[in-house]
Amino acid sequence: MSIHVTEAAAEWYKKELGITDGEAIRFFARYSSGGGLHPGFSLGIAVEQPEEPIDRTEVSGITFFMEEQDYWYLKGHRLDVTYVEAEDDILYRYETE
């Protein structure tokens, strides 16, 4: 399991969430009527500091991480987070590791 965030995506989060260098974004599994990697669940985000991160990466001064309790969601996968300029939005892509 690994998390990869582009510089452009990190800057988008800063702008959209009003966060600054030194803050952190947690990725977590949440119940959803849609489906991401697992039916009935999707990827959620929260601005909070890590407690027991299973993986983390720092991009543009922001720490992106997933806590150990949510490891099952990305187990065996790489999360690629990119910015799509034409849509002014984020794209999450899951690749098998």
PDB file of N, CA and C in Angstrom:
ATOM      1  N   MET A   1       0.837  -1.174   0.000  1.00  0.00           N
ATOM      2  CA  MET A   1       0.000   0.000   0.000  1.00  0.00           C
ATOM      3  C   MET A   1       0.884   1.240   0.000  1.00  0.00           C
ATOM      4  N   SER A   2       0.568   2.180  -0.866  1.00  0.00           N
ATOM      5  CA  SER A   2       1.314   3.428  -0.883  1.00  0.00           C
ATOM      6  C   SER A   2       0.438   4.567  -1.395  1.00  0.00           C
ATOM      7  N   ILE A   3       0.806   5.765  -0.982  1.00  0.00           N
ATOM      8  CA  ILE A   3       0.066   6.973  -1.359  1.00  0.00           C
ATOM      9  C   ILE A   3       1.010   7.887  -2.130  1.00  0.00           C
ATOM     10  N   HIS A   4       0.559   8.345  -3.304  1.00  0.00           N
ATOM     11  CA  HIS A   4       1.346   9.258  -4.135  1.00  0.00           C
ATOM     12  C   HIS A   4       0.455  10.436  -4.523  1.00  0.00           C
ATOM     13  N   VAL A   5       0.906  11.643  -4.219  1.00  0.00           N
ATOM     14  CA  VAL A   5       0.143  12.868  -4.476  1.00  0.00           C
ATOM     15  C   VAL A   5       1.006  13.793  -5.318  1.00  0.00           C
ATOM     16  N   THR A   6       0.449  14.331  -6.408  1.00  0.00           N
ATOM     17  CA  THR A   6       1.205  15.268  -7.230  1.00  0.00           C
ATOM     18  C   THR A   6       1.250  16.640  -6.558  1.00  0.00           C
ATOM     19  N   GLU A   7       2.231  17.446  -6.963  1.00  0.00           N
ATOM     20  CA  GLU A   7       2.351  18.820  -6.446  1.00  0.00           C
ATOM     21  C   GLU A   7       1.078  19.619  -6.745  1.00  0.00           C
ATOM     22  N   ALA A   8       0.559  19.465  -7.963  1.00  0.00           N
ATOM     23  CA  ALA A   8      -0.654  20.204  -8.354  1.00  0.00           C
ATOM     24  C   ALA A   8      -1.844  19.799  -7.481  1.00  0.00           C
ATOM     25  N   ALA A   9      -1.954  18.520  -7.160  1.00  0.00           N
ATOM     26  CA  ALA A   9      -3.048  18.055  -6.303  1.00  0.00           C
ATOM     27  C   ALA A   9      -2.897  18.640  -4.894  1.00  0.00           C
ATOM     28  N   ALA A  10      -1.682  18.657  -4.367  1.00  0.00           N
ATOM     29  CA  ALA A  10      -1.441  19.219  -3.040  1.00  0.00           C
ATOM     30  C   ALA A  10      -1.825  20.696  -3.002  1.00  0.00           C
ATOM     31  N   GLU A  11      -1.488  21.424  -4.049  1.00  0.00           N
ATOM     32  CA  GLU A  11      -1.843  22.849  -4.110  1.00  0.00           C
ATOM     33  C   GLU A  11      -3.352  23.033  -4.184  1.00  0.00           C
ATOM     34  N   TRP A  12      -4.047  22.132  -4.881  1.00  0.00           N
ATOM     35  CA  TRP A  12      -5.510  22.195  -4.959  1.00  0.00           C
ATOM     36  C   TRP A  12      -6.114  22.021  -3.568  1.00  0.00           C
ATOM     37  N   TYR A  13      -5.621  21.037  -2.814  1.00  0.00           N
ATOM     38  CA  TYR A  13      -6.128  20.833  -1.446  1.00  0.00           C
ATOM     39  C   TYR A  13      -5.894  22.075  -0.593  1.00  0.00           C
ATOM     40  N   LYS A  14      -4.725  22.693  -0.723  1.00  0.00           N
ATOM     41  CA  LYS A  14      -4.452  23.908   0.046  1.00  0.00           C
ATOM     42  C   LYS A  14      -5.486  24.985  -0.259  1.00  0.00           C
ATOM     43  N   LYS A  15      -5.755  25.160  -1.544  1.00  0.00           N
ATOM     44  CA  LYS A  15      -6.705  26.194  -1.970  1.00  0.00           C
ATOM     45  C   LYS A  15      -8.130  25.846  -1.523  1.00  0.00           C
ATOM     46  N   GLU A  16      -8.557  24.641  -1.793  1.00  0.00           N
ATOM     47  CA  GLU A  16      -9.944  24.248  -1.517  1.00  0.00           C
ATOM     48  C   GLU A  16     -10.251  24.131  -0.026  1.00  0.00           C
ATOM     49  N   LEU A  17      -9.300  23.649   0.764  1.00  0.00           N
ATOM     50  CA  LEU A  17      -9.538  23.411   2.185  1.00  0.00           C
ATOM     51  C   LEU A  17      -8.981  24.521   3.073  1.00  0.00           C
ATOM     52  N   GLY A  18      -8.280  25.475   2.455  1.00  0.00           N
ATOM     53  CA  GLY A  18      -7.737  26.586   3.223  1.00  0.00           C
ATOM     54  C   GLY A  18      -6.672  26.151   4.226  1.00  0.00           C
ATOM     55  N   ILE A  19      -5.886  25.142   3.854  1.00  0.00           N
ATOM     56  CA  ILE A  19      -4.853  24.657   4.762  1.00  0.00           C
ATOM     57  C   ILE A  19      -3.491  25.230   4.371  1.00  0.00           C
ATOM     58  N   THR A  20      -2.570  25.166   5.312  1.00  0.00           N
ATOM     59  CA  THR A  20      -1.235  25.723   5.098  1.00  0.00           C
ATOM     60  C   THR A  20      -0.172  24.670   5.402  1.00  0.00           C
ATOM     61  N   ASP A  21       1.067  25.001   5.089  1.00  0.00           N
ATOM     62  CA  ASP A  21       2.190  24.102   5.356  1.00  0.00           C
ATOM     63  C   ASP A  21       2.159  23.629   6.801  1.00  0.00           C
ATOM     64  N   GLY A  22       2.457  22.352   6.985  1.00  0.00           N
ATOM     65  CA  GLY A  22       2.484  21.772   8.328  1.00  0.00           C
ATOM     66  C   GLY A  22       1.204  21.054   8.701  1.00  0.00           C
ATOM     67  N   GLU A  23       0.145  21.276   7.933  1.00  0.00           N
ATOM     68  CA  GLU A  23      -1.104  20.578   8.224  1.00  0.00           C
ATOM     69  C   GLU A  23      -1.111  19.228   7.505  1.00  0.00           C
ATOM     70  N   ALA A  24      -2.138  18.424   7.792  1.00  0.00           N
ATOM     71  CA  ALA A  24      -2.175  17.067   7.245  1.00  0.00           C
ATOM     72  C   ALA A  24      -3.578  16.708   6.772  1.00  0.00           C
ATOM     73  N   ILE A  25      -3.625  15.828   5.773  1.00  0.00           N
ATOM     74  CA  ILE A  25      -4.890  15.317   5.241  1.00  0.00           C
ATOM     75  C   ILE A  25      -4.893  13.807   5.398  1.00  0.00           C
ATOM     76  N   ARG A  26      -5.936  13.332   6.057  1.00  0.00           N
ATOM     77  CA  ARG A  26      -6.111  11.894   6.271  1.00  0.00           C
ATOM     78  C   ARG A  26      -7.041  11.335   5.198  1.00  0.00           C
ATOM     79  N   PHE A  27      -6.639  10.236   4.569  1.00  0.00           N
ATOM     80  CA  PHE A  27      -7.509   9.472   3.685  1.00  0.00           C
ATOM     81  C   PHE A  27      -8.089   8.331   4.512  1.00  0.00           C
ATOM     82  N   PHE A  28      -9.397   8.100   4.393  1.00  0.00           N
ATOM     83  CA  PHE A  28     -10.017   7.030   5.166  1.00  0.00           C
ATOM     84  C   PHE A  28     -11.160   6.394   4.376  1.00  0.00           C
ATOM     85  N   ALA A  29     -11.507   5.182   4.752  1.00  0.00           N
ATOM     86  CA  ALA A  29     -12.631   4.478   4.128  1.00  0.00           C
ATOM     87  C   ALA A  29     -13.921   4.952   4.779  1.00  0.00           C
ATOM     88  N   ARG A  30     -14.928   5.229   3.939  1.00  0.00           N
ATOM     89  CA  ARG A  30     -16.222   5.652   4.483  1.00  0.00           C
ATOM     90  C   ARG A  30     -17.334   4.934   3.735  1.00  0.00           C
ATOM     91  N   TYR A  31     -18.454   4.751   4.420  1.00  0.00           N
ATOM     92  CA  TYR A  31     -19.612   4.149   3.774  1.00  0.00           C
ATOM     93  C   TYR A  31     -20.085   5.055   2.649  1.00  0.00           C
ATOM     94  N   SER A  32     -20.507   4.449   1.549  1.00  0.00           N
ATOM     95  CA  SER A  32     -20.934   5.222   0.395  1.00  0.00           C
ATOM     96  C   SER A  32     -21.890   4.394  -0.440  1.00  0.00           C
ATOM     97  N   SER A  33     -22.878   5.044  -1.026  1.00  0.00           N
ATOM     98  CA  SER A  33     -23.795   4.320  -1.911  1.00  0.00           C
ATOM     99  C   SER A  33     -23.129   4.010  -3.240  1.00  0.00           C
ATOM    100  N   GLY A  34     -22.086   4.750  -3.552  1.00  0.00           N
ATOM    101  CA  GLY A  34     -21.340   4.494  -4.779  1.00  0.00           C
ATOM    102  C   GLY A  34     -20.332   3.393  -4.524  1.00  0.00           C
ATOM    103  N   GLY A  35     -19.221   3.538  -5.078  1.00  0.00           N
ATOM    104  CA  GLY A  35     -18.183   2.557  -4.846  1.00  0.00           C
ATOM    105  C   GLY A  35     -16.891   3.034  -5.436  1.00  0.00           C
ATOM    106  N   GLY A  36     -15.867   2.866  -4.694  1.00  0.00           N
ATOM    107  CA  GLY A  36     -14.541   3.183  -5.186  1.00  0.00           C
ATOM    108  C   GLY A  36     -13.834   1.872  -5.419  1.00  0.00           C
ATOM    109  N   LEU A  37     -12.870   1.638  -4.611  1.00  0.00           N
ATOM    110  CA  LEU A  37     -12.095   0.415  -4.688  1.00  0.00           C
ATOM    111  C   LEU A  37     -12.896  -0.788  -4.191  1.00  0.00           C
ATOM    112  N   HIS A  38     -13.775  -0.555  -3.197  1.00  0.00           N
ATOM    113  CA  HIS A  38     -14.610  -1.616  -2.614  1.00  0.00           C
ATOM    114  C   HIS A  38     -16.077  -1.184  -2.675  1.00  0.00           C
ATOM    115  N   PRO A  39     -16.966  -2.044  -3.167  1.00  0.00           N
ATOM    116  CA  PRO A  39     -18.389  -1.694  -3.236  1.00  0.00           C
ATOM    117  C   PRO A  39     -18.924  -1.293  -1.857  1.00  0.00           C
ATOM    118  N   GLY A  40     -19.703  -0.217  -1.840  1.00  0.00           N
ATOM    119  CA  GLY A  40     -20.295   0.273  -0.602  1.00  0.00           C
ATOM    120  C   GLY A  40     -19.389   1.191   0.200  1.00  0.00           C
ATOM    121  N   PHE A  41     -18.176   1.436  -0.286  1.00  0.00           N
ATOM    122  CA  PHE A  41     -17.240   2.314   0.398  1.00  0.00           C
ATOM    123  C   PHE A  41     -16.590   3.252  -0.612  1.00  0.00           C
ATOM    124  N   SER A  42     -16.164   4.396  -0.128  1.00  0.00           N
ATOM    125  CA  SER A  42     -15.395   5.305  -0.965  1.00  0.00           C
ATOM    126  C   SER A  42     -14.322   5.948  -0.092  1.00  0.00           C
ATOM    127  N   LEU A  43     -13.474   6.712  -0.709  1.00  0.00           N
ATOM    128  CA  LEU A  43     -12.380   7.359  -0.009  1.00  0.00           C
ATOM    129  C   LEU A  43     -12.849   8.701   0.528  1.00  0.00           C
ATOM    130  N   GLY A  44     -12.675   8.905   1.821  1.00  0.00           N
ATOM    131  CA  GLY A  44     -12.994  10.182   2.439  1.00  0.00           C
ATOM    132  C   GLY A  44     -11.716  10.910   2.804  1.00  0.00           C
ATOM    133  N   ILE A  45     -11.835  12.203   3.083  1.00  0.00           N
ATOM    134  CA  ILE A  45     -10.685  12.982   3.531  1.00  0.00           C
ATOM    135  C   ILE A  45     -11.064  13.799   4.764  1.00  0.00           C
ATOM    136  N   ALA A  46     -10.068  14.070   5.599  1.00  0.00           N
ATOM    137  CA  ALA A  46     -10.263  14.914   6.777  1.00  0.00           C
ATOM    138  C   ALA A  46      -8.962  15.651   7.033  1.00  0.00           C
ATOM    139  N   VAL A  47      -9.075  16.872   7.514  1.00  0.00           N
ATOM    140  CA  VAL A  47      -7.889  17.632   7.898  1.00  0.00           C
ATOM    141  C   VAL A  47      -7.639  17.326   9.366  1.00  0.00           C
ATOM    142  N   GLU A  48      -6.609  16.519   9.625  1.00  0.00           N
ATOM    143  CA  GLU A  48      -6.233  16.154  10.991  1.00  0.00           C
ATOM    144  C   GLU A  48      -4.802  15.610  10.985  1.00  0.00           C
ATOM    145  N   GLN A  49      -4.201  15.590  12.139  1.00  0.00           N
ATOM    146  CA  GLN A  49      -2.824  15.105  12.263  1.00  0.00           C
ATOM    147  C   GLN A  49      -2.804  13.581  12.439  1.00  0.00           C
ATOM    148  N   PRO A  50      -1.758  12.929  11.946  1.00  0.00           N
ATOM    149  CA  PRO A  50      -1.659  11.472  12.078  1.00  0.00           C
ATOM    150  C   PRO A  50      -1.482  11.025  13.527  1.00  0.00           C
ATOM    151  N   GLU A  51      -2.073   9.866  13.837  1.00  0.00           N
ATOM    152  CA  GLU A  51      -1.890   9.244  15.143  1.00  0.00           C
ATOM    153  C   GLU A  51      -1.141   7.923  14.998  1.00  0.00           C
ATOM    154  N   GLU A  52      -1.667   7.021  14.156  1.00  0.00           N
ATOM    155  CA  GLU A  52      -1.020   5.732  13.888  1.00  0.00           C
ATOM    156  C   GLU A  52      -1.020   5.484  12.384  1.00  0.00           C
ATOM    157  N   PRO A  53      -0.263   6.289  11.641  1.00  0.00           N
ATOM    158  CA  PRO A  53      -0.304   6.156  10.184  1.00  0.00           C
ATOM    159  C   PRO A  53       0.357   4.868   9.691  1.00  0.00           C
ATOM    160  N   ILE A  54      -0.278   4.239   8.727  1.00  0.00           N
ATOM    161  CA  ILE A  54       0.284   3.056   8.084  1.00  0.00           C
ATOM    162  C   ILE A  54       1.162   3.495   6.910  1.00  0.00           C
ATOM    163  N   ASP A  55       0.843   4.651   6.329  1.00  0.00           N
ATOM    164  CA  ASP A  55       1.654   5.228   5.263  1.00  0.00           C
ATOM    165  C   ASP A  55       1.441   6.733   5.265  1.00  0.00           C
ATOM    166  N   ARG A  56       2.477   7.455   4.858  1.00  0.00           N
ATOM    167  CA  ARG A  56       2.386   8.918   4.770  1.00  0.00           C
ATOM    168  C   ARG A  56       3.358   9.411   3.722  1.00  0.00           C
ATOM    169  N   THR A  57       3.014  10.564   3.164  1.00  0.00           N
ATOM    170  CA  THR A  57       3.910  11.229   2.230  1.00  0.00           C
ATOM    171  C   THR A  57       3.726  12.730   2.427  1.00  0.00           C
ATOM    172  N   GLU A  58       4.783  13.504   2.222  1.00  0.00           N
ATOM    173  CA  GLU A  58       4.680  14.952   2.336  1.00  0.00           C
ATOM    174  C   GLU A  58       4.908  15.569   0.970  1.00  0.00           C
ATOM    175  N   VAL A  59       3.973  16.427   0.562  1.00  0.00           N
ATOM    176  CA  VAL A  59       4.038  17.104  -0.725  1.00  0.00           C
ATOM    177  C   VAL A  59       3.638  18.563  -0.511  1.00  0.00           C
ATOM    178  N   SER A  60       4.459  19.477  -0.981  1.00  0.00           N
ATOM    179  CA  SER A  60       4.186  20.919  -0.866  1.00  0.00           C
ATOM    180  C   SER A  60       3.869  21.343   0.566  1.00  0.00           C
ATOM    181  N   GLY A  61       4.545  20.734   1.536  1.00  0.00           N
ATOM    182  CA  GLY A  61       4.370  21.123   2.926  1.00  0.00           C
ATOM    183  C   GLY A  61       3.184  20.478   3.625  1.00  0.00           C
ATOM    184  N   ILE A  62       2.421  19.658   2.917  1.00  0.00           N
ATOM    185  CA  ILE A  62       1.243  18.996   3.483  1.00  0.00           C
ATOM    186  C   ILE A  62       1.539  17.501   3.621  1.00  0.00           C
ATOM    187  N   THR A  63       1.192  16.914   4.760  1.00  0.00           N
ATOM    188  CA  THR A  63       1.329  15.476   4.964  1.00  0.00           C
ATOM    189  C   THR A  63       0.021  14.801   4.569  1.00  0.00           C
ATOM    190  N   PHE A  64       0.116  13.805   3.724  1.00  0.00           N
ATOM    191  CA  PHE A  64      -1.028  12.991   3.308  1.00  0.00           C
ATOM    192  C   PHE A  64      -0.812  11.608   3.905  1.00  0.00           C
ATOM    193  N   PHE A  65      -1.845  11.038   4.539  1.00  0.00           N
ATOM    194  CA  PHE A  65      -1.632   9.778   5.236  1.00  0.00           C
ATOM    195  C   PHE A  65      -2.914   8.946   5.338  1.00  0.00           C
ATOM    196  N   MET A  66      -2.734   7.697   5.729  1.00  0.00           N
ATOM    197  CA  MET A  66      -3.841   6.804   6.050  1.00  0.00           C
ATOM    198  C   MET A  66      -3.496   6.127   7.369  1.00  0.00           C
ATOM    199  N   GLU A  67      -4.470   6.075   8.264  1.00  0.00           N
ATOM    200  CA  GLU A  67      -4.271   5.431   9.558  1.00  0.00           C
ATOM    201  C   GLU A  67      -4.325   3.909   9.410  1.00  0.00           C
ATOM    202  N   GLU A  68      -3.704   3.240  10.347  1.00  0.00           N
ATOM    203  CA  GLU A  68      -3.643   1.777  10.338  1.00  0.00           C
ATOM    204  C   GLU A  68      -5.037   1.144  10.289  1.00  0.00           C
ATOM    205  N   GLN A  69      -6.010   1.729  10.951  1.00  0.00           N
ATOM    206  CA  GLN A  69      -7.365   1.157  10.989  1.00  0.00           C
ATOM    207  C   GLN A  69      -8.030   1.116   9.613  1.00  0.00           C
ATOM    208  N   ASP A  70      -7.558   1.920   8.675  1.00  0.00           N
ATOM    209  CA  ASP A  70      -8.124   1.946   7.325  1.00  0.00           C
ATOM    210  C   ASP A  70      -7.254   1.231   6.292  1.00  0.00           C
ATOM    211  N   TYR A  71      -6.228   0.570   6.760  1.00  0.00           N
ATOM    212  CA  TYR A  71      -5.294  -0.128   5.880  1.00  0.00           C
ATOM    213  C   TYR A  71      -5.999  -1.077   4.923  1.00  0.00           C
ATOM    214  N   TRP A  72      -7.040  -1.769   5.393  1.00  0.00           N
ATOM    215  CA  TRP A  72      -7.757  -2.754   4.578  1.00  0.00           C
ATOM    216  C   TRP A  72      -8.237  -2.147   3.262  1.00  0.00           C
ATOM    217  N   TYR A  73      -8.557  -0.870   3.266  1.00  0.00           N
ATOM    218  CA  TYR A  73      -9.118  -0.247   2.066  1.00  0.00           C
ATOM    219  C   TYR A  73      -8.102  -0.191   0.920  1.00  0.00           C
ATOM    220  N   LEU A  74      -6.852   0.108   1.225  1.00  0.00           N
ATOM    221  CA  LEU A  74      -5.828   0.232   0.183  1.00  0.00           C
ATOM    222  C   LEU A  74      -4.859  -0.947   0.125  1.00  0.00           C
ATOM    223  N   LYS A  75      -5.060  -1.942   0.963  1.00  0.00           N
ATOM    224  CA  LYS A  75      -4.145  -3.086   1.014  1.00  0.00           C
ATOM    225  C   LYS A  75      -3.898  -3.636  -0.399  1.00  0.00           C
ATOM    226  N   GLY A  76      -2.622  -3.704  -0.764  1.00  0.00           N
ATOM    227  CA  GLY A  76      -2.239  -4.235  -2.068  1.00  0.00           C
ATOM    228  C   GLY A  76      -2.380  -3.254  -3.221  1.00  0.00           C
ATOM    229  N   HIS A  77      -2.666  -1.989  -2.901  1.00  0.00           N
ATOM    230  CA  HIS A  77      -2.880  -0.984  -3.943  1.00  0.00           C
ATOM    231  C   HIS A  77      -2.032   0.261  -3.706  1.00  0.00           C
ATOM    232  N   ARG A  78      -1.807   0.970  -4.769  1.00  0.00           N
ATOM    233  CA  ARG A  78      -1.166   2.276  -4.748  1.00  0.00           C
ATOM    234  C   ARG A  78      -2.263   3.297  -5.041  1.00  0.00           C
ATOM    235  N   LEU A  79      -2.352   4.323  -4.209  1.00  0.00           N
ATOM    236  CA  LEU A  79      -3.295   5.416  -4.437  1.00  0.00           C
ATOM    237  C   LEU A  79      -2.543   6.545  -5.115  1.00  0.00           C
ATOM    238  N   ASP A  80      -2.972   6.897  -6.327  1.00  0.00           N
ATOM    239  CA  ASP A  80      -2.418   8.038  -7.052  1.00  0.00           C
ATOM    240  C   ASP A  80      -3.440   9.164  -7.018  1.00  0.00           C
ATOM    241  N   VAL A  81      -3.032  10.307  -6.488  1.00  0.00           N
ATOM    242  CA  VAL A  81      -3.909  11.475  -6.369  1.00  0.00           C
ATOM    243  C   VAL A  81      -3.366  12.541  -7.307  1.00  0.00           C
ATOM    244  N   THR A  82      -4.162  12.901  -8.312  1.00  0.00           N
ATOM    245  CA  THR A  82      -3.741  13.895  -9.295  1.00  0.00           C
ATOM    246  C   THR A  82      -4.793  14.983  -9.426  1.00  0.00           C
ATOM    247  N   TYR A  83      -4.361  16.112  -9.964  1.00  0.00           N
ATOM    248  CA  TYR A  83      -5.246  17.243 -10.218  1.00  0.00           C
ATOM    249  C   TYR A  83      -5.606  17.254 -11.699  1.00  0.00           C
ATOM    250  N   VAL A  84      -6.917  17.421 -11.980  1.00  0.00           N
ATOM    251  CA  VAL A  84      -7.398  17.511 -13.361  1.00  0.00           C
ATOM    252  C   VAL A  84      -7.785  18.967 -13.608  1.00  0.00           C
ATOM    253  N   GLU A  85      -6.939  19.682 -14.318  1.00  0.00           N
ATOM    254  CA  GLU A  85      -7.129  21.121 -14.517  1.00  0.00           C
ATOM    255  C   GLU A  85      -8.444  21.439 -15.231  1.00  0.00           C
ATOM    256  N   ALA A  86      -8.803  20.678 -16.243  1.00  0.00           N
ATOM    257  CA  ALA A  86     -10.022  20.945 -17.017  1.00  0.00           C
ATOM    258  C   ALA A  86     -11.281  20.881 -16.150  1.00  0.00           C
ATOM    259  N   GLU A  87     -11.239  20.093 -15.089  1.00  0.00           N
ATOM    260  CA  GLU A  87     -12.393  19.956 -14.200  1.00  0.00           C
ATOM    261  C   GLU A  87     -12.185  20.672 -12.869  1.00  0.00           C
ATOM    262  N   ASP A  88     -10.990  21.221 -12.659  1.00  0.00           N
ATOM    263  CA  ASP A  88     -10.610  21.828 -11.387  1.00  0.00           C
ATOM    264  C   ASP A  88     -11.001  20.916 -10.232  1.00  0.00           C
ATOM    265  N   ASP A  89     -10.551  19.666 -10.332  1.00  0.00           N
ATOM    266  CA  ASP A  89     -10.915  18.660  -9.339  1.00  0.00           C
ATOM    267  C   ASP A  89      -9.800  17.629  -9.206  1.00  0.00           C
ATOM    268  N   ILE A  90      -9.966  16.781  -8.237  1.00  0.00           N
ATOM    269  CA  ILE A  90      -8.999  15.724  -7.925  1.00  0.00           C
ATOM    270  C   ILE A  90      -9.458  14.408  -8.526  1.00  0.00           C
ATOM    271  N   LEU A  91      -8.490  13.620  -8.980  1.00  0.00           N
ATOM    272  CA  LEU A  91      -8.767  12.277  -9.495  1.00  0.00           C
ATOM    273  C   LEU A  91      -8.004  11.285  -8.632  1.00  0.00           C
ATOM    274  N   TYR A  92      -8.727  10.267  -8.136  1.00  0.00           N
ATOM    275  CA  TYR A  92      -8.116   9.184  -7.374  1.00  0.00           C
ATOM    276  C   TYR A  92      -8.033   7.969  -8.277  1.00  0.00           C
ATOM    277  N   ARG A  93      -6.846   7.407  -8.389  1.00  0.00           N
ATOM    278  CA  ARG A  93      -6.652   6.213  -9.204  1.00  0.00           C
ATOM    279  C   ARG A  93      -5.994   5.161  -8.329  1.00  0.00           C
ATOM    280  N   TYR A  94      -6.498   3.930  -8.420  1.00  0.00           N
ATOM    281  CA  TYR A  94      -5.971   2.824  -7.629  1.00  0.00           C
ATOM    282  C   TYR A  94      -5.259   1.849  -8.560  1.00  0.00           C
ATOM    283  N   GLU A  95      -4.003   1.558  -8.280  1.00  0.00           N
ATOM    284  CA  GLU A  95      -3.218   0.621  -9.075  1.00  0.00           C
ATOM    285  C   GLU A  95      -2.823  -0.551  -8.182  1.00  0.00           C
ATOM    286  N   THR A  96      -2.907  -1.753  -8.708  1.00  0.00           N
ATOM    287  CA  THR A  96      -2.471  -2.921  -7.963  1.00  0.00           C
ATOM    288  C   THR A  96      -0.952  -2.901  -7.821  1.00  0.00           C
ATOM    289  N   GLU A  97      -0.459  -3.145  -6.619  1.00  0.00           N
ATOM    290  CA  GLU A  97       0.995  -3.165  -6.386  1.00  0.00           C
ATOM    291  C   GLU A  97       1.515  -4.587  -6.478  1.00  0.00           C
TER     292      GLU A  97
END
